[in-house]
Amino acid sequence: MIGDKMALSVPEAAKLLGIGKNLAYEAVQRGEIPSIKVGSRLLIPRVALERLLAEANGRASNRDS
């Protein structure tokens, strides 16, 4: 189950974000989505993804004020 994992694959992170897999891989390449490489696997740490979303939400809230 995705909810129990400490790190997500790029396709799993894409699904949670509601974006396509290709867009997620491109965002990882640009450094927009933090990632780590473990062997040949590219993983997105859950805590980094949650922090990224919280920061984006904070910026959106500031714009609305």
PDB file of N, CA and C in Angstrom:
ATOM      1  N   MET A   1       0.838  -1.187   0.000  1.00  0.00           N
ATOM      2  CA  MET A   1       0.000   0.000   0.000  1.00  0.00           C
ATOM      3  C   MET A   1       0.883   1.250   0.000  1.00  0.00           C
ATOM      4  N   ILE A   2       0.516   2.235  -0.798  1.00  0.00           N
ATOM      5  CA  ILE A   2       1.312   3.455  -0.929  1.00  0.00           C
ATOM      6  C   ILE A   2       1.413   4.204   0.396  1.00  0.00           C
ATOM      7  N   GLY A   3       0.341   4.227   1.188  1.00  0.00           N
ATOM      8  CA  GLY A   3       0.323   4.988   2.425  1.00  0.00           C
ATOM      9  C   GLY A   3       1.336   4.551   3.466  1.00  0.00           C
ATOM     10  N   ASP A   4       1.839   3.336   3.361  1.00  0.00           N
ATOM     11  CA  ASP A   4       2.780   2.815   4.347  1.00  0.00           C
ATOM     12  C   ASP A   4       4.240   3.015   3.956  1.00  0.00           C
ATOM     13  N   LYS A   5       4.495   3.417   2.736  1.00  0.00           N
ATOM     14  CA  LYS A   5       5.870   3.502   2.236  1.00  0.00           C
ATOM     15  C   LYS A   5       6.546   4.796   2.665  1.00  0.00           C
ATOM     16  N   MET A   6       7.848   4.702   2.944  1.00  0.00           N
ATOM     17  CA  MET A   6       8.633   5.897   3.255  1.00  0.00           C
ATOM     18  C   MET A   6       9.092   6.597   1.982  1.00  0.00           C
ATOM     19  N   ALA A   7       9.158   5.855   0.878  1.00  0.00           N
ATOM     20  CA  ALA A   7       9.559   6.419  -0.406  1.00  0.00           C
ATOM     21  C   ALA A   7       8.666   5.842  -1.487  1.00  0.00           C
ATOM     22  N   LEU A   8       8.400   6.636  -2.499  1.00  0.00           N
ATOM     23  CA  LEU A   8       7.511   6.249  -3.584  1.00  0.00           C
ATOM     24  C   LEU A   8       8.281   6.167  -4.888  1.00  0.00           C
ATOM     25  N   SER A   9       7.820   5.318  -5.767  1.00  0.00           N
ATOM     26  CA  SER A   9       8.368   5.328  -7.124  1.00  0.00           C
ATOM     27  C   SER A   9       7.845   6.590  -7.810  1.00  0.00           C
ATOM     28  N   VAL A  10       8.453   6.951  -8.908  1.00  0.00           N
ATOM     29  CA  VAL A  10       7.993   8.139  -9.643  1.00  0.00           C
ATOM     30  C   VAL A  10       6.545   7.956 -10.112  1.00  0.00           C
ATOM     31  N   PRO A  11       6.172   6.802 -10.671  1.00  0.00           N
ATOM     32  CA  PRO A  11       4.762   6.639 -11.053  1.00  0.00           C
ATOM     33  C   PRO A  11       3.790   6.731  -9.870  1.00  0.00           C
ATOM     34  N   GLU A  12       4.176   6.217  -8.700  1.00  0.00           N
ATOM     35  CA  GLU A  12       3.317   6.326  -7.519  1.00  0.00           C
ATOM     36  C   GLU A  12       3.173   7.783  -7.096  1.00  0.00           C
ATOM     37  N   ALA A  13       4.271   8.520  -7.098  1.00  0.00           N
ATOM     38  CA  ALA A  13       4.215   9.939  -6.737  1.00  0.00           C
ATOM     39  C   ALA A  13       3.364  10.711  -7.741  1.00  0.00           C
ATOM     40  N   ALA A  14       3.502  10.381  -9.015  1.00  0.00           N
ATOM     41  CA  ALA A  14       2.705  11.041 -10.053  1.00  0.00           C
ATOM     42  C   ALA A  14       1.220  10.830  -9.805  1.00  0.00           C
ATOM     43  N   LYS A  15       0.861   9.609  -9.463  1.00  0.00           N
ATOM     44  CA  LYS A  15      -0.550   9.290  -9.199  1.00  0.00           C
ATOM     45  C   LYS A  15      -1.075  10.104  -8.028  1.00  0.00           C
ATOM     46  N   LEU A  16      -0.293  10.189  -6.948  1.00  0.00           N
ATOM     47  CA  LEU A  16      -0.708  10.971  -5.786  1.00  0.00           C
ATOM     48  C   LEU A  16      -0.839  12.454  -6.110  1.00  0.00           C
ATOM     49  N   LEU A  17       0.042  12.941  -6.978  1.00  0.00           N
ATOM     50  CA  LEU A  17       0.022  14.354  -7.349  1.00  0.00           C
ATOM     51  C   LEU A  17      -1.040  14.670  -8.398  1.00  0.00           C
ATOM     52  N   GLY A  18      -1.539  13.631  -9.038  1.00  0.00           N
ATOM     53  CA  GLY A  18      -2.544  13.842 -10.082  1.00  0.00           C
ATOM     54  C   GLY A  18      -1.935  14.328 -11.387  1.00  0.00           C
ATOM     55  N   ILE A  19      -0.692  13.923 -11.640  1.00  0.00           N
ATOM     56  CA  ILE A  19      -0.027  14.296 -12.884  1.00  0.00           C
ATOM     57  C   ILE A  19       0.402  13.020 -13.604  1.00  0.00           C
ATOM     58  N   GLY A  20       0.778  13.159 -14.850  1.00  0.00           N
ATOM     59  CA  GLY A  20       1.226  12.014 -15.612  1.00  0.00           C
ATOM     60  C   GLY A  20       2.622  11.574 -15.217  1.00  0.00           C
ATOM     61  N   LYS A  21       2.907  10.322 -15.523  1.00  0.00           N
ATOM     62  CA  LYS A  21       4.210   9.746 -15.192  1.00  0.00           C
ATOM     63  C   LYS A  21       5.335  10.500 -15.893  1.00  0.00           C
ATOM     64  N   ASN A  22       5.152  10.827 -17.176  1.00  0.00           N
ATOM     65  CA  ASN A  22       6.200  11.528 -17.919  1.00  0.00           C
ATOM     66  C   ASN A  22       6.486  12.904 -17.321  1.00  0.00           C
ATOM     67  N   LEU A  23       5.430  13.622 -16.944  1.00  0.00           N
ATOM     68  CA  LEU A  23       5.608  14.934 -16.322  1.00  0.00           C
ATOM     69  C   LEU A  23       6.354  14.803 -14.999  1.00  0.00           C
ATOM     70  N   ALA A  24       6.050  13.758 -14.244  1.00  0.00           N
ATOM     71  CA  ALA A  24       6.729  13.537 -12.970  1.00  0.00           C
ATOM     72  C   ALA A  24       8.219  13.271 -13.187  1.00  0.00           C
ATOM     73  N   TYR A  25       8.569  12.428 -14.170  1.00  0.00           N
ATOM     74  CA  TYR A  25       9.981  12.169 -14.460  1.00  0.00           C
ATOM     75  C   TYR A  25      10.681  13.461 -14.899  1.00  0.00           C
ATOM     76  N   GLU A  26      10.006  14.282 -15.701  1.00  0.00           N
ATOM     77  CA  GLU A  26      10.598  15.556 -16.130  1.00  0.00           C
ATOM     78  C   GLU A  26      10.822  16.475 -14.942  1.00  0.00           C
ATOM     79  N   ALA A  27       9.865  16.525 -14.015  1.00  0.00           N
ATOM     80  CA  ALA A  27       9.999  17.374 -12.828  1.00  0.00           C
ATOM     81  C   ALA A  27      11.149  16.892 -11.941  1.00  0.00           C
ATOM     82  N   VAL A  28      11.347  15.581 -11.862  1.00  0.00           N
ATOM     83  CA  VAL A  28      12.480  15.038 -11.109  1.00  0.00           C
ATOM     84  C   VAL A  28      13.780  15.477 -11.768  1.00  0.00           C
ATOM     85  N   GLN A  29      13.854  15.374 -13.091  1.00  0.00           N
ATOM     86  CA  GLN A  29      15.070  15.767 -13.819  1.00  0.00           C
ATOM     87  C   GLN A  29      15.398  17.244 -13.599  1.00  0.00           C
ATOM     88  N   ARG A  30      14.362  18.093 -13.535  1.00  0.00           N
ATOM     89  CA  ARG A  30      14.555  19.534 -13.323  1.00  0.00           C
ATOM     90  C   ARG A  30      14.817  19.873 -11.861  1.00  0.00           C
ATOM     91  N   GLY A  31      14.649  18.902 -10.963  1.00  0.00           N
ATOM     92  CA  GLY A  31      14.856  19.151  -9.545  1.00  0.00           C
ATOM     93  C   GLY A  31      13.630  19.722  -8.853  1.00  0.00           C
ATOM     94  N   GLU A  32      12.490  19.745  -9.521  1.00  0.00           N
ATOM     95  CA  GLU A  32      11.262  20.273  -8.929  1.00  0.00           C
ATOM     96  C   GLU A  32      10.645  19.289  -7.938  1.00  0.00           C
ATOM     97  N   ILE A  33      10.844  18.011  -8.186  1.00  0.00           N
ATOM     98  CA  ILE A  33      10.421  16.963  -7.254  1.00  0.00           C
ATOM     99  C   ILE A  33      11.695  16.327  -6.713  1.00  0.00           C
ATOM    100  N   PRO A  34      11.917  16.399  -5.403  1.00  0.00           N
ATOM    101  CA  PRO A  34      13.134  15.820  -4.821  1.00  0.00           C
ATOM    102  C   PRO A  34      13.138  14.297  -4.973  1.00  0.00           C
ATOM    103  N   SER A  35      14.308  13.756  -5.261  1.00  0.00           N
ATOM    104  CA  SER A  35      14.408  12.312  -5.451  1.00  0.00           C
ATOM    105  C   SER A  35      15.753  11.804  -4.953  1.00  0.00           C
ATOM    106  N   ILE A  36      15.804  10.497  -4.741  1.00  0.00           N
ATOM    107  CA  ILE A  36      17.051   9.828  -4.405  1.00  0.00           C
ATOM    108  C   ILE A  36      17.177   8.626  -5.325  1.00  0.00           C
ATOM    109  N   LYS A  37      18.400   8.226  -5.584  1.00  0.00           N
ATOM    110  CA  LYS A  37      18.628   7.045  -6.399  1.00  0.00           C
ATOM    111  C   LYS A  37      19.167   5.945  -5.494  1.00  0.00           C
ATOM    112  N   VAL A  38      18.513   4.811  -5.519  1.00  0.00           N
ATOM    113  CA  VAL A  38      18.932   3.654  -4.741  1.00  0.00           C
ATOM    114  C   VAL A  38      19.163   2.539  -5.760  1.00  0.00           C
ATOM    115  N   GLY A  39      20.424   2.230  -5.977  1.00  0.00           N
ATOM    116  CA  GLY A  39      20.743   1.281  -7.036  1.00  0.00           C
ATOM    117  C   GLY A  39      20.290   1.866  -8.355  1.00  0.00           C
ATOM    118  N   SER A  40      19.469   1.143  -9.064  1.00  0.00           N
ATOM    119  CA  SER A  40      18.957   1.646 -10.339  1.00  0.00           C
ATOM    120  C   SER A  40      17.581   2.284 -10.184  1.00  0.00           C
ATOM    121  N   ARG A  41      17.050   2.304  -8.956  1.00  0.00           N
ATOM    122  CA  ARG A  41      15.704   2.852  -8.730  1.00  0.00           C
ATOM    123  C   ARG A  41      15.750   4.322  -8.357  1.00  0.00           C
ATOM    124  N   LEU A  42      14.815   5.065  -8.898  1.00  0.00           N
ATOM    125  CA  LEU A  42      14.637   6.470  -8.585  1.00  0.00           C
ATOM    126  C   LEU A  42      13.435   6.563  -7.654  1.00  0.00           C
ATOM    127  N   LEU A  43      13.643   7.079  -6.438  1.00  0.00           N
ATOM    128  CA  LEU A  43      12.590   7.130  -5.431  1.00  0.00           C
ATOM    129  C   LEU A  43      12.345   8.551  -4.953  1.00  0.00           C
ATOM    130  N   ILE A  44      11.112   8.801  -4.580  1.00  0.00           N
ATOM    131  CA  ILE A  44      10.707  10.098  -4.039  1.00  0.00           C
ATOM    132  C   ILE A  44      10.437   9.895  -2.549  1.00  0.00           C
ATOM    133  N   PRO A  45      11.262  10.470  -1.659  1.00  0.00           N
ATOM    134  CA  PRO A  45      10.982  10.330  -0.218  1.00  0.00           C
ATOM    135  C   PRO A  45       9.642  10.975   0.119  1.00  0.00           C
ATOM    136  N   ARG A  46       8.806  10.242   0.827  1.00  0.00           N
ATOM    137  CA  ARG A  46       7.471  10.749   1.170  1.00  0.00           C
ATOM    138  C   ARG A  46       7.552  12.067   1.926  1.00  0.00           C
ATOM    139  N   VAL A  47       8.469  12.168   2.890  1.00  0.00           N
ATOM    140  CA  VAL A  47       8.580  13.390   3.689  1.00  0.00           C
ATOM    141  C   VAL A  47       8.953  14.579   2.798  1.00  0.00           C
ATOM    142  N   ALA A  48       9.800  14.373   1.800  1.00  0.00           N
ATOM    143  CA  ALA A  48      10.181  15.461   0.896  1.00  0.00           C
ATOM    144  C   ALA A  48       8.996  15.884   0.037  1.00  0.00           C
ATOM    145  N   LEU A  49       8.196  14.922  -0.394  1.00  0.00           N
ATOM    146  CA  LEU A  49       7.014  15.226  -1.200  1.00  0.00           C
ATOM    147  C   LEU A  49       5.988  15.985  -0.364  1.00  0.00           C
ATOM    148  N   GLU A  50       5.787  15.561   0.866  1.00  0.00           N
ATOM    149  CA  GLU A  50       4.845  16.250   1.752  1.00  0.00           C
ATOM    150  C   GLU A  50       5.306  17.675   2.035  1.00  0.00           C
ATOM    151  N   ARG A  51       6.624  17.864   2.244  1.00  0.00           N
ATOM    152  CA  ARG A  51       7.172  19.203   2.489  1.00  0.00           C
ATOM    153  C   ARG A  51       6.978  20.094   1.260  1.00  0.00           C
ATOM    154  N   LEU A  52       7.242  19.541   0.090  1.00  0.00           N
ATOM    155  CA  LEU A  52       7.076  20.276  -1.163  1.00  0.00           C
ATOM    156  C   LEU A  52       5.637  20.753  -1.320  1.00  0.00           C
ATOM    157  N   LEU A  53       4.691  19.857  -1.050  1.00  0.00           N
ATOM    158  CA  LEU A  53       3.279  20.218  -1.170  1.00  0.00           C
ATOM    159  C   LEU A  53       2.867  21.247  -0.125  1.00  0.00           C
ATOM    160  N   ALA A  54       3.382  21.125   1.099  1.00  0.00           N
ATOM    161  CA  ALA A  54       3.060  22.091   2.147  1.00  0.00           C
ATOM    162  C   ALA A  54       3.595  23.479   1.792  1.00  0.00           C
ATOM    163  N   GLU A  55       4.805  23.533   1.247  1.00  0.00           N
ATOM    164  CA  GLU A  55       5.378  24.818   0.839  1.00  0.00           C
ATOM    165  C   GLU A  55       4.579  25.427  -0.307  1.00  0.00           C
ATOM    166  N   ALA A  56       4.189  24.616  -1.263  1.00  0.00           N
ATOM    167  CA  ALA A  56       3.397  25.107  -2.391  1.00  0.00           C
ATOM    168  C   ALA A  56       2.043  25.608  -1.907  1.00  0.00           C
ATOM    169  N   ASN A  57       1.447  24.903  -0.959  1.00  0.00           N
ATOM    170  CA  ASN A  57       0.175  25.316  -0.399  1.00  0.00           C
ATOM    171  C   ASN A  57       0.315  26.638   0.350  1.00  0.00           C
ATOM    172  N   GLY A  58       1.422  26.799   1.054  1.00  0.00           N
ATOM    173  CA  GLY A  58       1.676  28.054   1.765  1.00  0.00           C
ATOM    174  C   GLY A  58       1.838  29.229   0.815  1.00  0.00           C
ATOM    175  N   ARG A  59       2.525  29.010  -0.287  1.00  0.00           N
ATOM    176  CA  ARG A  59       2.695  30.074  -1.293  1.00  0.00           C
ATOM    177  C   ARG A  59       1.358  30.427  -1.915  1.00  0.00           C
ATOM    178  N   ALA A  60       0.522  29.431  -2.181  1.00  0.00           N
ATOM    179  CA  ALA A  60      -0.796  29.688  -2.771  1.00  0.00           C
ATOM    180  C   ALA A  60      -1.673  30.464  -1.791  1.00  0.00           C
ATOM    181  N   SER A  61      -1.595  30.136  -0.502  1.00  0.00           N
ATOM    182  CA  SER A  61      -2.384  30.832   0.509  1.00  0.00           C
ATOM    183  C   SER A  61      -1.944  32.286   0.627  1.00  0.00           C
ATOM    184  N   ASN A  62      -0.654  32.542   0.533  1.00  0.00           N
ATOM    185  CA  ASN A  62      -0.137  33.907   0.619  1.00  0.00           C
ATOM    186  C   ASN A  62      -0.600  34.748  -0.561  1.00  0.00           C
ATOM    187  N   ARG A  63      -0.694  34.141  -1.732  1.00  0.00           N
ATOM    188  CA  ARG A  63      -1.149  34.870  -2.915  1.00  0.00           C
ATOM    189  C   ARG A  63      -2.612  35.238  -2.796  1.00  0.00           C
ATOM    190  N   ASP A  64      -3.388  34.382  -2.161  1.00  0.00           N
ATOM    191  CA  ASP A  64      -4.823  34.609  -2.024  1.00  0.00           C
ATOM    192  C   ASP A  64      -5.148  35.673  -0.996  1.00  0.00           C
ATOM    193  N   SER A  65      -4.207  35.980  -0.116  1.00  0.00           N
ATOM    194  CA  SER A  65      -4.455  36.948   0.971  1.00  0.00           C
ATOM    195  C   SER A  65      -4.429  38.360   0.475  1.00  0.00           C
TER     196      SER A  65
END
